[in-house]
Structures are given as structure tokens and as C-alpha cells.
N, C-alpha and C. Protein backbone atom coordinates (compact mmCIF):
# COMPACT_ATOMS: atom_id res chain seq x y z
N MET A 1 -22.55 -134.07 -13.41
CA MET A 1 -21.61 -135.05 -12.91
C MET A 1 -20.41 -134.32 -12.31
N SER A 2 -19.88 -134.85 -11.22
CA SER A 2 -18.77 -134.17 -10.55
C SER A 2 -17.42 -134.70 -11.03
N ALA A 3 -16.41 -133.88 -10.83
CA ALA A 3 -15.05 -134.22 -11.22
C ALA A 3 -14.53 -135.38 -10.39
N ASP A 4 -13.62 -136.13 -10.94
CA ASP A 4 -12.96 -137.23 -10.23
C ASP A 4 -12.24 -136.64 -9.01
N PRO A 5 -12.59 -137.06 -7.80
CA PRO A 5 -11.95 -136.50 -6.60
C PRO A 5 -10.43 -136.64 -6.62
N ALA A 6 -9.92 -137.74 -7.13
CA ALA A 6 -8.46 -137.94 -7.17
C ALA A 6 -7.79 -136.87 -8.02
N VAL A 7 -8.44 -136.47 -9.11
CA VAL A 7 -7.87 -135.44 -9.98
C VAL A 7 -7.89 -134.08 -9.27
N VAL A 8 -8.99 -133.78 -8.59
CA VAL A 8 -9.10 -132.52 -7.83
C VAL A 8 -8.02 -132.48 -6.75
N ILE A 9 -7.87 -133.55 -6.01
CA ILE A 9 -6.91 -133.59 -4.90
C ILE A 9 -5.49 -133.49 -5.42
N THR A 10 -5.18 -134.18 -6.50
CA THR A 10 -3.83 -134.10 -7.09
C THR A 10 -3.53 -132.67 -7.52
N ALA A 11 -4.50 -132.01 -8.14
CA ALA A 11 -4.31 -130.61 -8.54
C ALA A 11 -4.07 -129.73 -7.32
N ALA A 12 -4.88 -129.91 -6.28
CA ALA A 12 -4.72 -129.10 -5.06
C ALA A 12 -3.37 -129.36 -4.39
N ARG A 13 -2.96 -130.61 -4.33
CA ARG A 13 -1.67 -130.92 -3.69
C ARG A 13 -0.50 -130.33 -4.47
N GLY A 14 -0.68 -130.10 -5.75
CA GLY A 14 0.36 -129.45 -6.54
C GLY A 14 0.66 -128.03 -6.09
N TRP A 15 -0.26 -127.45 -5.32
CA TRP A 15 -0.10 -126.09 -4.80
C TRP A 15 0.55 -126.06 -3.42
N LEU A 16 0.74 -127.21 -2.78
CA LEU A 16 1.34 -127.23 -1.44
C LEU A 16 2.67 -126.50 -1.45
N GLY A 17 2.89 -125.69 -0.41
CA GLY A 17 4.12 -124.92 -0.30
C GLY A 17 4.08 -123.57 -0.99
N THR A 18 3.04 -123.29 -1.77
CA THR A 18 2.92 -121.98 -2.41
C THR A 18 2.75 -120.92 -1.31
N PRO A 19 3.55 -119.87 -1.32
CA PRO A 19 3.42 -118.84 -0.29
C PRO A 19 2.06 -118.13 -0.35
N TYR A 20 1.65 -117.59 0.79
CA TYR A 20 0.42 -116.81 0.84
C TYR A 20 0.67 -115.45 0.21
N HIS A 21 -0.23 -115.03 -0.66
CA HIS A 21 -0.20 -113.68 -1.22
C HIS A 21 -1.64 -113.29 -1.53
N ASP A 22 -2.10 -112.24 -0.87
CA ASP A 22 -3.47 -111.77 -1.02
C ASP A 22 -3.80 -111.50 -2.49
N GLN A 23 -4.93 -112.03 -2.96
CA GLN A 23 -5.50 -111.87 -4.29
C GLN A 23 -4.70 -112.52 -5.41
N ALA A 24 -3.65 -113.28 -5.10
CA ALA A 24 -2.85 -113.92 -6.14
C ALA A 24 -3.35 -115.34 -6.42
N SER A 25 -2.93 -115.88 -7.56
CA SER A 25 -3.30 -117.24 -7.93
C SER A 25 -2.26 -117.84 -8.87
N LEU A 26 -1.00 -117.89 -8.40
CA LEU A 26 0.09 -118.44 -9.20
C LEU A 26 0.78 -119.55 -8.41
N ARG A 27 0.61 -120.77 -8.86
CA ARG A 27 1.19 -121.93 -8.16
C ARG A 27 2.70 -121.74 -8.01
N GLY A 28 3.18 -121.97 -6.80
CA GLY A 28 4.60 -121.85 -6.50
C GLY A 28 5.07 -120.43 -6.25
N VAL A 29 4.25 -119.44 -6.62
CA VAL A 29 4.62 -118.03 -6.48
C VAL A 29 3.83 -117.39 -5.34
N GLY A 30 2.50 -117.53 -5.36
CA GLY A 30 1.69 -116.96 -4.30
C GLY A 30 0.20 -117.08 -4.59
N CYS A 31 -0.57 -117.26 -3.53
CA CYS A 31 -2.03 -117.30 -3.66
C CYS A 31 -2.65 -117.11 -2.29
N ASP A 32 -3.93 -116.73 -2.31
CA ASP A 32 -4.75 -116.76 -1.10
C ASP A 32 -5.67 -117.97 -1.24
N CYS A 33 -6.61 -118.14 -0.32
CA CYS A 33 -7.46 -119.34 -0.36
C CYS A 33 -8.29 -119.39 -1.65
N LEU A 34 -8.82 -118.25 -2.08
CA LEU A 34 -9.60 -118.22 -3.30
C LEU A 34 -8.69 -118.45 -4.52
N GLY A 35 -7.48 -117.92 -4.47
CA GLY A 35 -6.53 -118.14 -5.56
C GLY A 35 -6.19 -119.61 -5.74
N LEU A 36 -6.11 -120.34 -4.64
CA LEU A 36 -5.89 -121.79 -4.71
C LEU A 36 -7.03 -122.46 -5.46
N VAL A 37 -8.25 -122.14 -5.09
CA VAL A 37 -9.43 -122.74 -5.74
C VAL A 37 -9.47 -122.33 -7.21
N ARG A 38 -9.18 -121.08 -7.51
CA ARG A 38 -9.14 -120.63 -8.90
C ARG A 38 -8.11 -121.42 -9.70
N GLY A 39 -6.94 -121.65 -9.10
CA GLY A 39 -5.89 -122.39 -9.78
C GLY A 39 -6.28 -123.84 -10.04
N VAL A 40 -6.92 -124.47 -9.07
CA VAL A 40 -7.40 -125.84 -9.27
C VAL A 40 -8.45 -125.86 -10.37
N TRP A 41 -9.36 -124.89 -10.36
CA TRP A 41 -10.37 -124.80 -11.42
C TRP A 41 -9.69 -124.73 -12.80
N ARG A 42 -8.68 -123.86 -12.92
CA ARG A 42 -8.00 -123.70 -14.21
C ARG A 42 -7.35 -125.02 -14.65
N GLU A 43 -6.79 -125.76 -13.71
CA GLU A 43 -6.17 -127.04 -14.06
C GLU A 43 -7.22 -128.05 -14.55
N LEU A 44 -8.42 -127.99 -14.00
CA LEU A 44 -9.48 -128.90 -14.40
C LEU A 44 -10.21 -128.46 -15.66
N HIS A 45 -10.43 -127.14 -15.80
CA HIS A 45 -11.34 -126.63 -16.83
C HIS A 45 -10.77 -125.61 -17.78
N GLY A 46 -9.59 -125.11 -17.53
CA GLY A 46 -9.06 -124.03 -18.38
C GLY A 46 -9.46 -122.68 -17.82
N ALA A 47 -10.09 -121.86 -18.62
CA ALA A 47 -10.44 -120.50 -18.21
C ALA A 47 -11.37 -120.48 -17.00
N GLU A 48 -11.21 -119.45 -16.19
CA GLU A 48 -12.09 -119.27 -15.04
C GLU A 48 -13.48 -118.90 -15.54
N PRO A 49 -14.53 -119.41 -14.88
CA PRO A 49 -15.88 -119.23 -15.39
C PRO A 49 -16.51 -117.87 -15.11
N LEU A 50 -16.00 -117.16 -14.11
CA LEU A 50 -16.61 -115.89 -13.70
C LEU A 50 -15.52 -114.84 -13.50
N PRO A 51 -15.82 -113.59 -13.81
CA PRO A 51 -14.83 -112.53 -13.52
C PRO A 51 -14.71 -112.35 -12.01
N LEU A 52 -13.52 -112.02 -11.57
CA LEU A 52 -13.28 -111.84 -10.14
C LEU A 52 -13.01 -110.37 -9.86
N PRO A 53 -13.90 -109.71 -9.10
CA PRO A 53 -13.64 -108.31 -8.77
C PRO A 53 -12.52 -108.23 -7.73
N ALA A 54 -11.87 -107.10 -7.67
CA ALA A 54 -10.88 -106.87 -6.62
C ALA A 54 -11.60 -106.95 -5.27
N TYR A 55 -10.89 -107.41 -4.27
CA TYR A 55 -11.49 -107.51 -2.93
C TYR A 55 -10.45 -107.15 -1.88
N SER A 56 -10.92 -106.63 -0.78
CA SER A 56 -10.02 -106.24 0.30
C SER A 56 -9.92 -107.38 1.31
N ARG A 57 -8.96 -107.31 2.19
CA ARG A 57 -8.78 -108.35 3.21
C ARG A 57 -10.00 -108.46 4.13
N ASP A 58 -10.70 -107.38 4.33
CA ASP A 58 -11.84 -107.40 5.26
C ASP A 58 -13.18 -107.48 4.54
N TRP A 59 -13.20 -107.92 3.28
CA TRP A 59 -14.42 -107.92 2.49
C TRP A 59 -15.55 -108.70 3.14
N GLY A 60 -15.28 -109.72 3.92
CA GLY A 60 -16.35 -110.53 4.49
C GLY A 60 -16.73 -110.16 5.91
N GLU A 61 -16.28 -109.02 6.37
CA GLU A 61 -16.55 -108.64 7.75
C GLU A 61 -17.92 -107.99 7.92
N THR A 62 -18.51 -107.53 6.85
CA THR A 62 -19.82 -106.89 6.94
C THR A 62 -20.71 -107.41 5.82
N GLY A 63 -21.99 -107.19 5.97
CA GLY A 63 -22.94 -107.57 4.93
C GLY A 63 -23.60 -108.90 5.22
N THR A 64 -24.63 -109.18 4.46
CA THR A 64 -25.38 -110.42 4.64
C THR A 64 -25.34 -111.31 3.41
N ARG A 65 -24.90 -110.78 2.29
CA ARG A 65 -24.78 -111.61 1.08
C ARG A 65 -23.66 -112.62 1.28
N GLU A 66 -23.74 -113.70 0.55
CA GLU A 66 -22.72 -114.75 0.59
C GLU A 66 -22.07 -114.84 -0.79
N PRO A 67 -21.16 -113.90 -1.13
CA PRO A 67 -20.63 -113.86 -2.49
C PRO A 67 -19.87 -115.12 -2.91
N LEU A 68 -19.11 -115.74 -2.02
CA LEU A 68 -18.41 -116.98 -2.41
C LEU A 68 -19.40 -118.09 -2.72
N ALA A 69 -20.38 -118.27 -1.86
CA ALA A 69 -21.37 -119.32 -2.08
C ALA A 69 -22.21 -119.03 -3.32
N GLU A 70 -22.59 -117.77 -3.51
CA GLU A 70 -23.38 -117.41 -4.69
C GLU A 70 -22.62 -117.71 -5.98
N ALA A 71 -21.33 -117.38 -6.01
CA ALA A 71 -20.52 -117.66 -7.20
C ALA A 71 -20.35 -119.16 -7.40
N ALA A 72 -20.09 -119.89 -6.33
CA ALA A 72 -19.91 -121.34 -6.45
C ALA A 72 -21.18 -122.00 -6.97
N ARG A 73 -22.33 -121.55 -6.52
CA ARG A 73 -23.60 -122.13 -6.99
C ARG A 73 -23.80 -121.99 -8.49
N LYS A 74 -23.20 -120.99 -9.09
CA LYS A 74 -23.35 -120.78 -10.52
C LYS A 74 -22.59 -121.81 -11.35
N VAL A 75 -21.53 -122.40 -10.78
CA VAL A 75 -20.67 -123.27 -11.59
C VAL A 75 -20.40 -124.64 -10.96
N MET A 76 -20.84 -124.84 -9.73
CA MET A 76 -20.57 -126.09 -9.01
C MET A 76 -21.88 -126.67 -8.47
N VAL A 77 -21.79 -127.86 -7.92
CA VAL A 77 -22.95 -128.55 -7.36
C VAL A 77 -22.86 -128.45 -5.83
N GLU A 78 -23.85 -127.79 -5.22
CA GLU A 78 -23.86 -127.68 -3.76
C GLU A 78 -24.28 -129.01 -3.14
N VAL A 79 -23.60 -129.39 -2.07
CA VAL A 79 -23.94 -130.61 -1.34
C VAL A 79 -24.11 -130.28 0.13
N PRO A 80 -24.91 -131.08 0.85
CA PRO A 80 -25.07 -130.84 2.29
C PRO A 80 -23.74 -131.03 3.02
N LEU A 81 -23.56 -130.26 4.08
CA LEU A 81 -22.32 -130.37 4.85
C LEU A 81 -22.10 -131.78 5.39
N ALA A 82 -23.17 -132.48 5.68
CA ALA A 82 -23.05 -133.85 6.18
C ALA A 82 -22.55 -134.80 5.09
N SER A 83 -22.54 -134.34 3.85
CA SER A 83 -22.15 -135.19 2.72
C SER A 83 -20.82 -134.78 2.09
N ILE A 84 -19.99 -134.00 2.80
CA ILE A 84 -18.73 -133.60 2.17
C ILE A 84 -17.85 -134.83 1.97
N VAL A 85 -17.20 -134.85 0.84
CA VAL A 85 -16.35 -135.97 0.45
C VAL A 85 -15.02 -135.41 -0.06
N PRO A 86 -14.00 -136.26 -0.14
CA PRO A 86 -12.74 -135.80 -0.73
C PRO A 86 -12.98 -135.21 -2.12
N GLY A 87 -12.29 -134.11 -2.38
CA GLY A 87 -12.45 -133.39 -3.63
C GLY A 87 -13.43 -132.24 -3.55
N ALA A 88 -14.17 -132.13 -2.45
CA ALA A 88 -15.17 -131.06 -2.30
C ALA A 88 -14.51 -129.73 -1.93
N LEU A 89 -15.10 -128.67 -2.44
CA LEU A 89 -14.75 -127.32 -2.01
C LEU A 89 -15.57 -127.04 -0.75
N ILE A 90 -14.92 -126.54 0.29
CA ILE A 90 -15.64 -126.18 1.51
C ILE A 90 -15.40 -124.71 1.82
N LEU A 91 -16.46 -124.05 2.29
CA LEU A 91 -16.40 -122.65 2.66
C LEU A 91 -16.63 -122.51 4.15
N PHE A 92 -15.88 -121.62 4.76
CA PHE A 92 -15.92 -121.43 6.21
C PHE A 92 -16.34 -120.02 6.58
N ARG A 93 -17.07 -119.92 7.70
CA ARG A 93 -17.33 -118.63 8.36
C ARG A 93 -16.24 -118.51 9.44
N MET A 94 -15.46 -117.47 9.36
CA MET A 94 -14.37 -117.31 10.33
C MET A 94 -14.86 -116.72 11.65
N ARG A 95 -16.04 -116.12 11.64
CA ARG A 95 -16.65 -115.62 12.86
C ARG A 95 -18.13 -115.95 12.81
N THR A 96 -18.72 -116.19 13.96
CA THR A 96 -20.16 -116.42 14.02
C THR A 96 -20.89 -115.20 13.49
N GLY A 97 -21.83 -115.43 12.60
CA GLY A 97 -22.62 -114.34 12.04
C GLY A 97 -21.99 -113.66 10.84
N ALA A 98 -20.72 -113.96 10.55
CA ALA A 98 -20.06 -113.35 9.40
C ALA A 98 -20.36 -114.18 8.15
N VAL A 99 -20.07 -113.61 6.99
CA VAL A 99 -20.24 -114.38 5.75
C VAL A 99 -19.09 -115.36 5.61
N ALA A 100 -19.31 -116.39 4.81
CA ALA A 100 -18.25 -117.36 4.53
C ALA A 100 -17.21 -116.68 3.66
N LYS A 101 -15.96 -116.64 4.15
CA LYS A 101 -14.92 -115.93 3.41
C LYS A 101 -13.62 -116.70 3.31
N HIS A 102 -13.60 -117.94 3.77
CA HIS A 102 -12.40 -118.76 3.66
C HIS A 102 -12.78 -120.06 2.99
N CYS A 103 -11.87 -120.63 2.21
CA CYS A 103 -12.20 -121.86 1.49
C CYS A 103 -11.02 -122.82 1.47
N GLY A 104 -11.36 -124.08 1.22
CA GLY A 104 -10.36 -125.12 1.11
C GLY A 104 -10.92 -126.28 0.32
N ILE A 105 -10.09 -127.29 0.10
CA ILE A 105 -10.48 -128.46 -0.67
C ILE A 105 -10.23 -129.70 0.18
N VAL A 106 -11.26 -130.51 0.37
CA VAL A 106 -11.17 -131.71 1.20
C VAL A 106 -10.30 -132.75 0.49
N THR A 107 -9.36 -133.34 1.24
CA THR A 107 -8.47 -134.36 0.67
C THR A 107 -8.73 -135.74 1.26
N ALA A 108 -9.35 -135.79 2.41
CA ALA A 108 -9.68 -137.04 3.10
C ALA A 108 -10.80 -136.69 4.08
N PRO A 109 -11.47 -137.69 4.66
CA PRO A 109 -12.55 -137.36 5.58
C PRO A 109 -12.14 -136.41 6.71
N ASP A 110 -10.87 -136.40 7.06
CA ASP A 110 -10.42 -135.56 8.18
C ASP A 110 -9.29 -134.60 7.80
N ARG A 111 -9.15 -134.28 6.50
CA ARG A 111 -8.06 -133.39 6.07
C ARG A 111 -8.54 -132.47 4.94
N PHE A 112 -7.90 -131.31 4.84
CA PHE A 112 -8.18 -130.40 3.73
C PHE A 112 -6.95 -129.55 3.44
N ILE A 113 -6.94 -128.98 2.24
CA ILE A 113 -5.87 -128.08 1.80
C ILE A 113 -6.46 -126.68 1.72
N HIS A 114 -5.70 -125.71 2.20
CA HIS A 114 -6.12 -124.31 2.08
C HIS A 114 -4.89 -123.42 2.10
N ALA A 115 -5.07 -122.18 1.71
CA ALA A 115 -4.01 -121.17 1.79
C ALA A 115 -4.34 -120.28 2.97
N TYR A 116 -3.39 -120.18 3.86
CA TYR A 116 -3.62 -119.44 5.09
C TYR A 116 -2.49 -118.44 5.28
N GLU A 117 -2.87 -117.24 5.67
CA GLU A 117 -1.87 -116.20 5.90
C GLU A 117 -0.79 -116.70 6.87
N ARG A 118 0.43 -116.40 6.57
CA ARG A 118 1.64 -116.79 7.32
C ARG A 118 2.07 -118.23 7.11
N THR A 119 1.23 -119.09 6.54
CA THR A 119 1.64 -120.48 6.33
C THR A 119 1.65 -120.86 4.85
N GLY A 120 0.94 -120.13 4.01
CA GLY A 120 0.83 -120.50 2.61
C GLY A 120 -0.11 -121.68 2.43
N VAL A 121 0.09 -122.43 1.36
CA VAL A 121 -0.80 -123.56 1.08
C VAL A 121 -0.32 -124.78 1.86
N VAL A 122 -1.22 -125.28 2.69
CA VAL A 122 -0.90 -126.41 3.57
C VAL A 122 -2.06 -127.41 3.59
N GLU A 123 -1.74 -128.64 3.94
CA GLU A 123 -2.76 -129.66 4.16
C GLU A 123 -2.82 -129.90 5.66
N VAL A 124 -4.00 -129.76 6.24
CA VAL A 124 -4.16 -129.84 7.69
C VAL A 124 -5.36 -130.71 8.05
N ARG A 125 -5.47 -131.00 9.35
CA ARG A 125 -6.61 -131.76 9.85
C ARG A 125 -7.88 -130.93 9.78
N LEU A 126 -8.95 -131.57 9.38
CA LEU A 126 -10.28 -130.94 9.41
C LEU A 126 -10.86 -131.29 10.77
N ASP A 127 -10.31 -130.62 11.79
CA ASP A 127 -10.66 -130.94 13.17
C ASP A 127 -11.91 -130.17 13.62
N HIS A 128 -12.24 -130.31 14.87
CA HIS A 128 -13.45 -129.67 15.41
C HIS A 128 -13.42 -128.15 15.22
N ALA A 129 -12.27 -127.54 15.42
CA ALA A 129 -12.17 -126.08 15.29
C ALA A 129 -12.54 -125.63 13.88
N TRP A 130 -12.14 -126.40 12.87
CA TRP A 130 -12.50 -126.07 11.49
C TRP A 130 -13.93 -126.50 11.18
N ARG A 131 -14.32 -127.68 11.62
CA ARG A 131 -15.67 -128.19 11.30
C ARG A 131 -16.77 -127.27 11.82
N ARG A 132 -16.57 -126.66 12.97
CA ARG A 132 -17.62 -125.79 13.51
C ARG A 132 -17.77 -124.51 12.70
N ARG A 133 -16.81 -124.23 11.84
CA ARG A 133 -16.88 -123.05 10.98
C ARG A 133 -17.44 -123.35 9.59
N LEU A 134 -17.64 -124.62 9.27
CA LEU A 134 -18.14 -125.00 7.94
C LEU A 134 -19.48 -124.32 7.65
N ALA A 135 -19.59 -123.78 6.44
CA ALA A 135 -20.83 -123.09 6.06
C ALA A 135 -21.46 -123.67 4.80
N PHE A 136 -20.64 -124.06 3.82
CA PHE A 136 -21.13 -124.56 2.53
C PHE A 136 -20.15 -125.59 1.99
N ALA A 137 -20.65 -126.46 1.11
CA ALA A 137 -19.80 -127.42 0.42
C ALA A 137 -20.28 -127.58 -1.02
N PHE A 138 -19.34 -127.76 -1.92
CA PHE A 138 -19.64 -127.87 -3.35
C PHE A 138 -18.73 -128.92 -3.99
N LEU A 139 -19.19 -129.50 -5.08
CA LEU A 139 -18.37 -130.40 -5.87
C LEU A 139 -17.98 -129.72 -7.17
N PHE A 140 -16.72 -129.89 -7.55
CA PHE A 140 -16.27 -129.38 -8.85
C PHE A 140 -16.99 -130.19 -9.93
N PRO A 141 -17.42 -129.54 -11.00
CA PRO A 141 -18.02 -130.31 -12.10
C PRO A 141 -16.94 -131.06 -12.86
N SER A 142 -17.32 -132.12 -13.55
CA SER A 142 -16.35 -132.86 -14.34
C SER A 142 -15.97 -132.03 -15.56
N PRO A 143 -14.72 -132.15 -15.98
CA PRO A 143 -14.31 -131.42 -17.19
C PRO A 143 -15.12 -131.87 -18.39
N SER A 144 -15.36 -130.97 -19.32
CA SER A 144 -16.16 -131.30 -20.51
C SER A 144 -15.39 -132.20 -21.44
């Protein structure tokens, strides 16, 4: 069973305005896109379910594995891209042929929250430019 979308969205919106900081996950202090998702997970479930290895800014520029999607599959429910709904975690390929290395949380059919370098955590339109980069979608599980 998936988490209540309103609870997921409220948790994500609590991070709005958090500055961008690579590899961080502290609401109001700093986070990257994965740090935002980790923080929302902690608000819903407590401890993070998987250890997070250190990663570089260019970690997704090479290789064929999909580490974000593989990790999400272990703890979340994958859904078809055509079925994304508010509260879903979405993963993006920032370049054609690259692995999915950016993530956000859907807040409405045409909006999502993400942490982006130079802007921090923001809620923006899920417009054509973002939609064409969509690679995977997942639902947060409901808290136990």
C-alpha cells in the first residue's frame, strides 16, 4: 500500500527554500535532490532503509547501471510513467543515454518539487522539458 499523497507532499513542501548543498540532507540547511527524498523518507518512516555511499557530482555521467532506480525498487513501488500521480517520486535522465540521476516529488499533475543547484528546493512546473527527461516513477510505501 502506498503512502497518503497529501502527507508526502506536505513533507516535501516543508523543504521548500532549503539551499542546495551537494550530498546534504538537512531541511532548512542544505540538500541535493537525493537529500530531499531522503529527508521526506525520514519524515514518513524514520530511519533511512539503505546505506548511502558517497557520490561525486558526475556519478551518473558514465555507466549503464541505474543505481537510483535499483535502490528505489528495493523499498518503493514502481509505477508506469503514464501513471504518475501526486506524491510519486520521479527520476530523470539529464542527458539522452545517461543514467537517471535527478529526482523530485510530484505535487500536482503538472508540478513537482526538487532540489536544483543554484536554486535550492523549489516547486516548479512539470513541463515538456522535464517530462521528456522522465525515466522512472515510484510510490512511497505507507508508514507501518
